[in-house]
């Protein structure tokens, strides 16, 4: 009886775990839709990729900031986005890395890497890694 119960519990757990894992295609679509929202200057497209517990971290002083703070601090940089290209997106279960290039309105290229976690089919968190120095669209060095 214990063996049967153990098998049933293992199968239930495996089925639950599989149902919670985002597909590679869905993860890639969430990531590309999220960043294309910056190109299109479309906050609703961006926000629709995130779950309710979304948070964002970056070297620009963003430490697990909320969606509201992300919109206030990060979304205004969309005015500098002309185009985004994705040399590589790597998905592993409910996590992904994306390497992408932002082509800016002032003819610069910003090269970023982001680490994503997904829950319930949407982006739960993003950890952004900039290139050399604080290079992100709209960055102005204090003199």
N, C-alpha and C. Protein backbone atom coordinates (compact mmCIF):
# COMPACT_ATOMS: atom_id res chain seq x y z
N UNK A 1 0.82 -1.19 0.00
CA UNK A 1 0.00 0.00 0.00
C UNK A 1 0.87 1.27 0.00
N UNK A 2 1.95 1.24 0.80
CA UNK A 2 2.86 2.39 0.85
C UNK A 2 3.51 2.61 -0.51
N UNK A 3 3.85 1.51 -1.19
CA UNK A 3 4.47 1.61 -2.50
C UNK A 3 3.52 2.27 -3.49
N UNK A 4 2.27 1.86 -3.49
CA UNK A 4 1.28 2.44 -4.41
C UNK A 4 1.09 3.92 -4.11
N UNK A 5 0.98 4.26 -2.83
CA UNK A 5 0.82 5.66 -2.44
C UNK A 5 2.04 6.48 -2.87
N UNK A 6 3.22 5.94 -2.70
CA UNK A 6 4.44 6.63 -3.10
C UNK A 6 4.46 6.87 -4.61
N UNK A 7 4.08 5.88 -5.38
CA UNK A 7 4.05 6.01 -6.83
C UNK A 7 3.03 7.08 -7.25
N UNK A 8 1.86 7.06 -6.65
CA UNK A 8 0.82 8.05 -6.98
C UNK A 8 1.30 9.46 -6.65
N UNK A 9 1.94 9.63 -5.50
CA UNK A 9 2.45 10.94 -5.12
C UNK A 9 3.56 11.42 -6.06
N UNK A 10 4.45 10.51 -6.46
CA UNK A 10 5.51 10.87 -7.40
C UNK A 10 4.94 11.29 -8.74
N UNK A 11 3.97 10.55 -9.24
CA UNK A 11 3.34 10.90 -10.51
C UNK A 11 2.63 12.25 -10.42
N UNK A 12 1.93 12.48 -9.33
CA UNK A 12 1.23 13.76 -9.14
C UNK A 12 2.22 14.91 -9.10
N UNK A 13 3.32 14.72 -8.36
CA UNK A 13 4.33 15.77 -8.27
C UNK A 13 4.97 16.03 -9.63
N UNK A 14 5.29 14.99 -10.37
CA UNK A 14 5.90 15.13 -11.70
C UNK A 14 4.96 15.86 -12.64
N UNK A 15 3.69 15.49 -12.62
CA UNK A 15 2.70 16.15 -13.47
C UNK A 15 2.57 17.62 -13.09
N UNK A 16 2.53 17.92 -11.79
CA UNK A 16 2.44 19.30 -11.34
C UNK A 16 3.67 20.10 -11.77
N UNK A 17 4.84 19.53 -11.60
CA UNK A 17 6.08 20.22 -11.96
C UNK A 17 6.13 20.50 -13.46
N UNK A 18 5.71 19.54 -14.28
CA UNK A 18 5.70 19.75 -15.72
C UNK A 18 4.70 20.83 -16.11
N UNK A 19 3.55 20.86 -15.45
CA UNK A 19 2.53 21.85 -15.80
C UNK A 19 2.99 23.25 -15.42
N UNK A 20 3.93 23.38 -14.49
CA UNK A 20 4.41 24.68 -14.05
C UNK A 20 5.59 25.18 -14.88
N UNK A 21 6.19 24.33 -15.71
CA UNK A 21 7.34 24.72 -16.51
C UNK A 21 6.87 25.38 -17.80
N UNK A 22 7.42 26.54 -18.09
CA UNK A 22 7.08 27.26 -19.31
C UNK A 22 7.80 26.58 -20.48
N UNK A 23 7.18 26.57 -21.65
CA UNK A 23 7.84 26.00 -22.81
C UNK A 23 8.91 26.96 -23.31
N UNK A 24 9.86 26.43 -24.02
CA UNK A 24 10.94 27.24 -24.60
C UNK A 24 10.35 28.32 -25.49
N UNK A 25 9.39 27.96 -26.31
CA UNK A 25 8.77 28.91 -27.24
C UNK A 25 8.03 30.02 -26.49
N UNK A 26 7.29 29.65 -25.43
CA UNK A 26 6.56 30.66 -24.66
C UNK A 26 7.51 31.59 -23.93
N UNK A 27 8.59 31.06 -23.38
CA UNK A 27 9.57 31.89 -22.69
C UNK A 27 10.21 32.88 -23.67
N UNK A 28 10.61 32.38 -24.83
CA UNK A 28 11.20 33.26 -25.85
C UNK A 28 10.22 34.34 -26.28
N UNK A 29 8.95 33.99 -26.43
CA UNK A 29 7.93 34.96 -26.83
C UNK A 29 7.74 36.02 -25.74
N UNK A 30 7.70 35.60 -24.48
CA UNK A 30 7.57 36.57 -23.38
C UNK A 30 8.73 37.57 -23.39
N UNK A 31 9.94 37.06 -23.56
CA UNK A 31 11.12 37.92 -23.55
C UNK A 31 11.10 38.89 -24.74
N UNK A 32 10.86 38.37 -25.92
CA UNK A 32 10.87 39.25 -27.10
C UNK A 32 9.70 40.24 -27.07
N UNK A 33 8.53 39.82 -26.58
CA UNK A 33 7.40 40.76 -26.47
C UNK A 33 7.70 41.85 -25.46
N UNK A 34 8.30 41.46 -24.34
CA UNK A 34 8.65 42.43 -23.30
C UNK A 34 9.55 43.52 -23.87
N UNK A 35 10.63 43.15 -24.55
CA UNK A 35 11.54 44.16 -25.07
C UNK A 35 11.02 44.87 -26.31
N UNK A 36 10.16 44.21 -27.08
CA UNK A 36 9.57 44.92 -28.22
C UNK A 36 8.60 45.99 -27.75
N UNK A 37 8.09 45.85 -26.53
CA UNK A 37 7.27 46.90 -25.95
C UNK A 37 8.04 48.21 -25.79
N UNK A 38 9.35 48.12 -25.53
CA UNK A 38 10.17 49.32 -25.46
C UNK A 38 10.32 49.94 -26.85
N UNK A 39 10.52 49.10 -27.86
CA UNK A 39 10.61 49.60 -29.24
C UNK A 39 9.33 50.32 -29.64
N UNK A 40 8.21 49.71 -29.30
CA UNK A 40 6.89 50.23 -29.70
C UNK A 40 6.36 51.31 -28.77
N UNK A 41 7.09 51.57 -27.66
CA UNK A 41 6.64 52.54 -26.65
C UNK A 41 5.26 52.14 -26.13
N UNK A 42 5.12 50.84 -25.81
CA UNK A 42 3.83 50.27 -25.42
C UNK A 42 3.94 49.63 -24.02
N UNK A 43 3.62 50.41 -22.99
CA UNK A 43 3.71 49.91 -21.62
C UNK A 43 2.82 48.70 -21.41
N UNK A 44 1.63 48.68 -21.98
CA UNK A 44 0.72 47.55 -21.77
C UNK A 44 1.30 46.25 -22.31
N UNK A 45 1.99 46.30 -23.43
CA UNK A 45 2.64 45.10 -23.97
C UNK A 45 3.72 44.62 -23.00
N UNK A 46 4.50 45.54 -22.47
CA UNK A 46 5.54 45.18 -21.52
C UNK A 46 4.93 44.54 -20.27
N UNK A 47 4.00 45.25 -19.64
CA UNK A 47 3.42 44.80 -18.37
C UNK A 47 2.67 43.48 -18.51
N UNK A 48 2.11 43.21 -19.67
CA UNK A 48 1.35 41.96 -19.86
C UNK A 48 2.24 40.72 -19.86
N UNK A 49 3.55 40.91 -19.92
CA UNK A 49 4.48 39.76 -19.91
C UNK A 49 4.84 39.35 -18.49
N UNK A 50 4.48 40.17 -17.50
CA UNK A 50 4.89 39.97 -16.11
C UNK A 50 3.77 39.38 -15.27
N UNK A 51 4.13 38.59 -14.25
CA UNK A 51 3.13 38.13 -13.30
C UNK A 51 2.99 39.17 -12.19
N UNK A 52 2.07 38.95 -11.28
CA UNK A 52 1.74 39.94 -10.25
C UNK A 52 2.87 40.20 -9.27
N UNK A 53 3.81 39.27 -9.12
CA UNK A 53 4.91 39.42 -8.18
C UNK A 53 6.21 39.87 -8.85
N UNK A 54 6.11 40.45 -10.03
CA UNK A 54 7.29 40.83 -10.79
C UNK A 54 8.23 41.73 -9.98
N UNK A 55 9.56 41.47 -10.17
CA UNK A 55 10.57 42.37 -9.62
C UNK A 55 11.76 42.43 -10.58
N UNK A 56 12.52 43.51 -10.47
CA UNK A 56 13.62 43.79 -11.39
C UNK A 56 14.85 44.23 -10.60
N UNK A 57 16.03 43.73 -11.04
CA UNK A 57 17.30 44.07 -10.42
C UNK A 57 18.29 44.45 -11.51
N UNK A 58 19.07 45.51 -11.26
CA UNK A 58 20.11 45.91 -12.21
C UNK A 58 21.23 46.62 -11.48
N UNK A 59 22.37 46.83 -12.17
CA UNK A 59 23.48 47.55 -11.56
C UNK A 59 23.22 49.05 -11.37
N UNK A 60 22.10 49.55 -11.86
CA UNK A 60 21.78 50.98 -11.76
C UNK A 60 21.08 51.32 -10.45
N UNK A 61 21.26 50.48 -9.43
CA UNK A 61 20.66 50.74 -8.13
C UNK A 61 19.27 50.15 -7.97
N UNK A 62 18.89 49.27 -8.86
CA UNK A 62 17.58 48.61 -8.79
C UNK A 62 17.76 47.27 -8.08
N UNK A 63 17.21 47.13 -6.89
CA UNK A 63 17.35 45.90 -6.12
C UNK A 63 15.97 45.30 -5.87
N UNK A 64 15.57 44.39 -6.74
CA UNK A 64 14.27 43.73 -6.63
C UNK A 64 13.13 44.75 -6.55
N UNK A 65 13.16 45.73 -7.45
CA UNK A 65 12.13 46.76 -7.43
C UNK A 65 10.81 46.21 -7.97
N UNK A 66 9.72 46.81 -7.54
CA UNK A 66 8.38 46.38 -7.92
C UNK A 66 8.05 46.82 -9.35
N UNK A 67 6.93 46.34 -9.84
CA UNK A 67 6.47 46.72 -11.18
C UNK A 67 6.23 48.23 -11.26
N UNK A 68 5.61 48.81 -10.25
CA UNK A 68 5.34 50.25 -10.27
C UNK A 68 6.64 51.05 -10.32
N UNK A 69 7.63 50.65 -9.53
CA UNK A 69 8.92 51.34 -9.52
C UNK A 69 9.64 51.11 -10.84
N UNK A 70 9.54 49.91 -11.39
CA UNK A 70 10.14 49.60 -12.68
C UNK A 70 9.58 50.52 -13.76
N UNK A 71 8.25 50.69 -13.76
CA UNK A 71 7.63 51.57 -14.75
C UNK A 71 8.15 52.99 -14.60
N UNK A 72 8.26 53.46 -13.38
CA UNK A 72 8.71 54.82 -13.11
C UNK A 72 10.18 55.04 -13.50
N UNK A 73 11.05 54.08 -13.17
CA UNK A 73 12.49 54.24 -13.39
C UNK A 73 12.96 53.81 -14.78
N UNK A 74 12.42 52.70 -15.27
CA UNK A 74 12.98 52.07 -16.46
C UNK A 74 12.20 52.34 -17.75
N UNK A 75 10.89 52.39 -17.67
CA UNK A 75 10.10 52.57 -18.89
C UNK A 75 10.42 53.86 -19.63
N UNK A 76 10.73 54.97 -18.95
CA UNK A 76 11.05 56.19 -19.70
C UNK A 76 12.23 56.04 -20.68
N UNK A 77 13.10 55.04 -20.46
CA UNK A 77 14.20 54.83 -21.41
C UNK A 77 13.71 54.35 -22.77
N UNK A 78 12.45 53.97 -22.86
CA UNK A 78 11.92 53.50 -24.15
C UNK A 78 12.05 54.57 -25.23
N UNK A 79 12.09 55.84 -24.84
CA UNK A 79 12.22 56.90 -25.84
C UNK A 79 13.55 56.80 -26.59
N UNK A 80 14.53 56.08 -26.04
CA UNK A 80 15.82 55.91 -26.69
C UNK A 80 15.92 54.63 -27.52
N UNK A 81 14.92 53.76 -27.42
CA UNK A 81 14.97 52.48 -28.14
C UNK A 81 14.51 52.67 -29.58
N UNK A 82 15.36 52.27 -30.50
CA UNK A 82 14.97 52.24 -31.90
C UNK A 82 14.66 50.81 -32.34
N UNK A 83 15.55 49.87 -31.93
CA UNK A 83 15.40 48.47 -32.34
C UNK A 83 16.10 47.59 -31.32
N UNK A 84 15.58 46.36 -31.14
CA UNK A 84 16.22 45.38 -30.27
C UNK A 84 16.44 44.11 -31.09
N UNK A 85 17.65 43.56 -30.99
CA UNK A 85 17.97 42.29 -31.64
C UNK A 85 18.44 41.31 -30.58
N UNK A 86 18.17 40.02 -30.82
CA UNK A 86 18.46 38.96 -29.86
C UNK A 86 19.44 37.95 -30.46
N UNK A 87 20.75 38.14 -30.23
CA UNK A 87 21.69 37.13 -30.72
C UNK A 87 21.47 35.76 -30.07
N UNK A 88 20.98 35.74 -28.80
CA UNK A 88 20.84 34.44 -28.13
C UNK A 88 19.83 34.53 -26.99
N UNK A 89 18.92 33.55 -26.96
CA UNK A 89 18.03 33.33 -25.82
C UNK A 89 18.17 31.86 -25.46
N UNK A 90 18.50 31.59 -24.19
CA UNK A 90 18.69 30.22 -23.72
C UNK A 90 17.69 29.95 -22.60
N UNK A 91 16.84 28.96 -22.80
CA UNK A 91 15.79 28.63 -21.82
C UNK A 91 16.12 27.29 -21.19
N UNK A 92 15.96 27.23 -19.86
CA UNK A 92 16.17 25.99 -19.12
C UNK A 92 15.09 25.93 -18.04
N UNK A 93 14.05 25.14 -18.30
CA UNK A 93 12.95 25.05 -17.34
C UNK A 93 12.26 26.38 -17.18
N UNK A 94 12.20 26.88 -15.95
CA UNK A 94 11.54 28.15 -15.66
C UNK A 94 12.52 29.31 -15.54
N UNK A 95 13.67 29.17 -16.19
CA UNK A 95 14.65 30.25 -16.22
C UNK A 95 15.16 30.43 -17.64
N UNK A 96 15.70 31.63 -17.90
CA UNK A 96 16.27 31.90 -19.22
C UNK A 96 17.31 33.00 -19.10
N UNK A 97 18.25 32.98 -20.04
CA UNK A 97 19.18 34.07 -20.24
C UNK A 97 18.92 34.62 -21.64
N UNK A 98 18.96 35.93 -21.78
CA UNK A 98 18.85 36.55 -23.10
C UNK A 98 20.02 37.51 -23.25
N UNK A 99 20.67 37.40 -24.39
CA UNK A 99 21.68 38.37 -24.80
C UNK A 99 21.02 39.19 -25.88
N UNK A 100 21.01 40.50 -25.70
CA UNK A 100 20.34 41.33 -26.70
C UNK A 100 21.07 42.65 -26.89
N UNK A 101 20.83 43.24 -28.05
CA UNK A 101 21.43 44.52 -28.40
C UNK A 101 20.32 45.54 -28.62
N UNK A 102 20.46 46.68 -27.99
CA UNK A 102 19.53 47.78 -28.17
C UNK A 102 20.21 48.79 -29.09
N UNK A 103 19.55 49.10 -30.19
CA UNK A 103 20.02 50.15 -31.09
C UNK A 103 19.25 51.40 -30.71
N UNK A 104 20.00 52.43 -30.32
CA UNK A 104 19.36 53.62 -29.75
C UNK A 104 19.13 54.70 -30.80
N UNK A 105 18.30 55.65 -30.41
CA UNK A 105 17.97 56.76 -31.30
C UNK A 105 19.16 57.67 -31.54
N UNK A 106 20.19 57.60 -30.67
CA UNK A 106 21.40 58.40 -30.88
C UNK A 106 22.53 57.57 -31.48
N UNK A 107 22.13 56.47 -32.15
CA UNK A 107 23.04 55.64 -32.96
C UNK A 107 24.12 54.93 -32.15
N UNK A 108 23.74 54.48 -30.96
CA UNK A 108 24.63 53.66 -30.14
C UNK A 108 24.06 52.25 -30.08
N UNK A 109 24.91 51.31 -29.68
CA UNK A 109 24.46 49.94 -29.46
C UNK A 109 24.74 49.61 -28.00
N UNK A 110 23.70 49.20 -27.30
CA UNK A 110 23.82 48.80 -25.90
C UNK A 110 23.68 47.28 -25.86
N UNK A 111 24.66 46.62 -25.30
CA UNK A 111 24.71 45.15 -25.24
C UNK A 111 24.39 44.72 -23.82
N UNK A 112 23.29 44.00 -23.62
CA UNK A 112 22.87 43.56 -22.29
C UNK A 112 22.68 42.06 -22.23
N UNK A 113 22.71 41.55 -21.00
CA UNK A 113 22.35 40.17 -20.69
C UNK A 113 21.33 40.25 -19.57
N UNK A 114 20.27 39.47 -19.67
CA UNK A 114 19.28 39.41 -18.60
C UNK A 114 18.99 37.97 -18.24
N UNK A 115 18.77 37.76 -16.94
CA UNK A 115 18.39 36.45 -16.40
C UNK A 115 16.93 36.56 -15.97
N UNK A 116 16.12 35.66 -16.49
CA UNK A 116 14.68 35.68 -16.25
C UNK A 116 14.26 34.46 -15.44
N UNK A 117 13.29 34.65 -14.56
CA UNK A 117 12.60 33.52 -13.94
C UNK A 117 11.13 33.67 -14.31
N UNK A 118 10.49 32.53 -14.49
CA UNK A 118 9.08 32.49 -14.90
C UNK A 118 8.26 31.74 -13.85
N UNK A 119 7.04 32.20 -13.67
CA UNK A 119 6.08 31.48 -12.83
C UNK A 119 4.71 31.68 -13.44
N UNK A 120 3.96 30.61 -13.50
CA UNK A 120 2.61 30.64 -14.07
C UNK A 120 2.61 31.19 -15.50
N UNK A 121 3.69 30.88 -16.25
CA UNK A 121 3.75 31.23 -17.66
C UNK A 121 4.15 32.66 -17.96
N UNK A 122 4.46 33.44 -16.92
CA UNK A 122 4.85 34.83 -17.14
C UNK A 122 6.18 35.12 -16.45
N UNK A 123 6.77 36.25 -16.80
CA UNK A 123 8.05 36.64 -16.21
C UNK A 123 7.81 37.09 -14.77
N UNK A 124 8.51 36.45 -13.84
CA UNK A 124 8.40 36.81 -12.43
C UNK A 124 9.52 37.77 -12.01
N UNK A 125 10.72 37.56 -12.56
CA UNK A 125 11.82 38.46 -12.21
C UNK A 125 12.80 38.55 -13.36
N UNK A 126 13.48 39.70 -13.37
CA UNK A 126 14.55 39.94 -14.34
C UNK A 126 15.74 40.49 -13.57
N UNK A 127 16.91 39.92 -13.86
CA UNK A 127 18.15 40.47 -13.33
C UNK A 127 18.97 40.89 -14.54
N UNK A 128 19.23 42.18 -14.66
CA UNK A 128 19.88 42.75 -15.83
C UNK A 128 21.36 42.97 -15.56
N UNK A 129 22.20 42.66 -16.55
CA UNK A 129 23.64 42.85 -16.47
C UNK A 129 24.05 43.73 -17.65
N UNK A 130 24.59 44.92 -17.38
CA UNK A 130 25.02 45.83 -18.42
C UNK A 130 26.41 45.46 -18.90
N UNK A 131 26.78 46.05 -20.03
CA UNK A 131 28.13 45.94 -20.53
C UNK A 131 29.07 46.78 -19.68
N UNK A 132 30.21 47.14 -20.23
CA UNK A 132 31.21 47.92 -19.49
C UNK A 132 30.62 49.23 -19.00
N UNK A 133 30.75 49.51 -17.72
CA UNK A 133 30.22 50.74 -17.15
C UNK A 133 28.70 50.72 -17.10
N UNK A 134 28.10 51.83 -16.79
CA UNK A 134 26.65 51.93 -16.74
C UNK A 134 26.13 52.32 -18.12
N UNK A 135 26.10 51.39 -19.02
CA UNK A 135 25.65 51.66 -20.38
C UNK A 135 24.25 51.13 -20.58
N UNK A 136 23.30 52.02 -20.52
CA UNK A 136 21.94 51.68 -20.83
C UNK A 136 21.32 52.87 -21.55
N UNK A 137 20.25 52.67 -22.28
CA UNK A 137 19.69 53.77 -23.07
C UNK A 137 19.38 54.98 -22.19
N UNK A 138 19.85 56.13 -22.62
CA UNK A 138 19.58 57.37 -21.91
C UNK A 138 20.54 57.67 -20.78
N UNK A 139 21.54 56.81 -20.55
CA UNK A 139 22.50 57.03 -19.46
C UNK A 139 23.27 58.31 -19.70
N UNK A 140 23.33 59.13 -18.69
CA UNK A 140 24.12 60.36 -18.74
C UNK A 140 25.12 60.32 -17.59
N UNK A 141 26.38 60.39 -17.91
CA UNK A 141 27.42 60.36 -16.88
C UNK A 141 27.45 61.69 -16.15
N UNK A 142 27.46 61.62 -14.81
CA UNK A 142 27.58 62.84 -14.01
C UNK A 142 29.00 63.37 -14.11
N UNK A 143 29.10 64.64 -14.33
CA UNK A 143 30.44 65.25 -14.47
C UNK A 143 30.73 66.16 -13.31
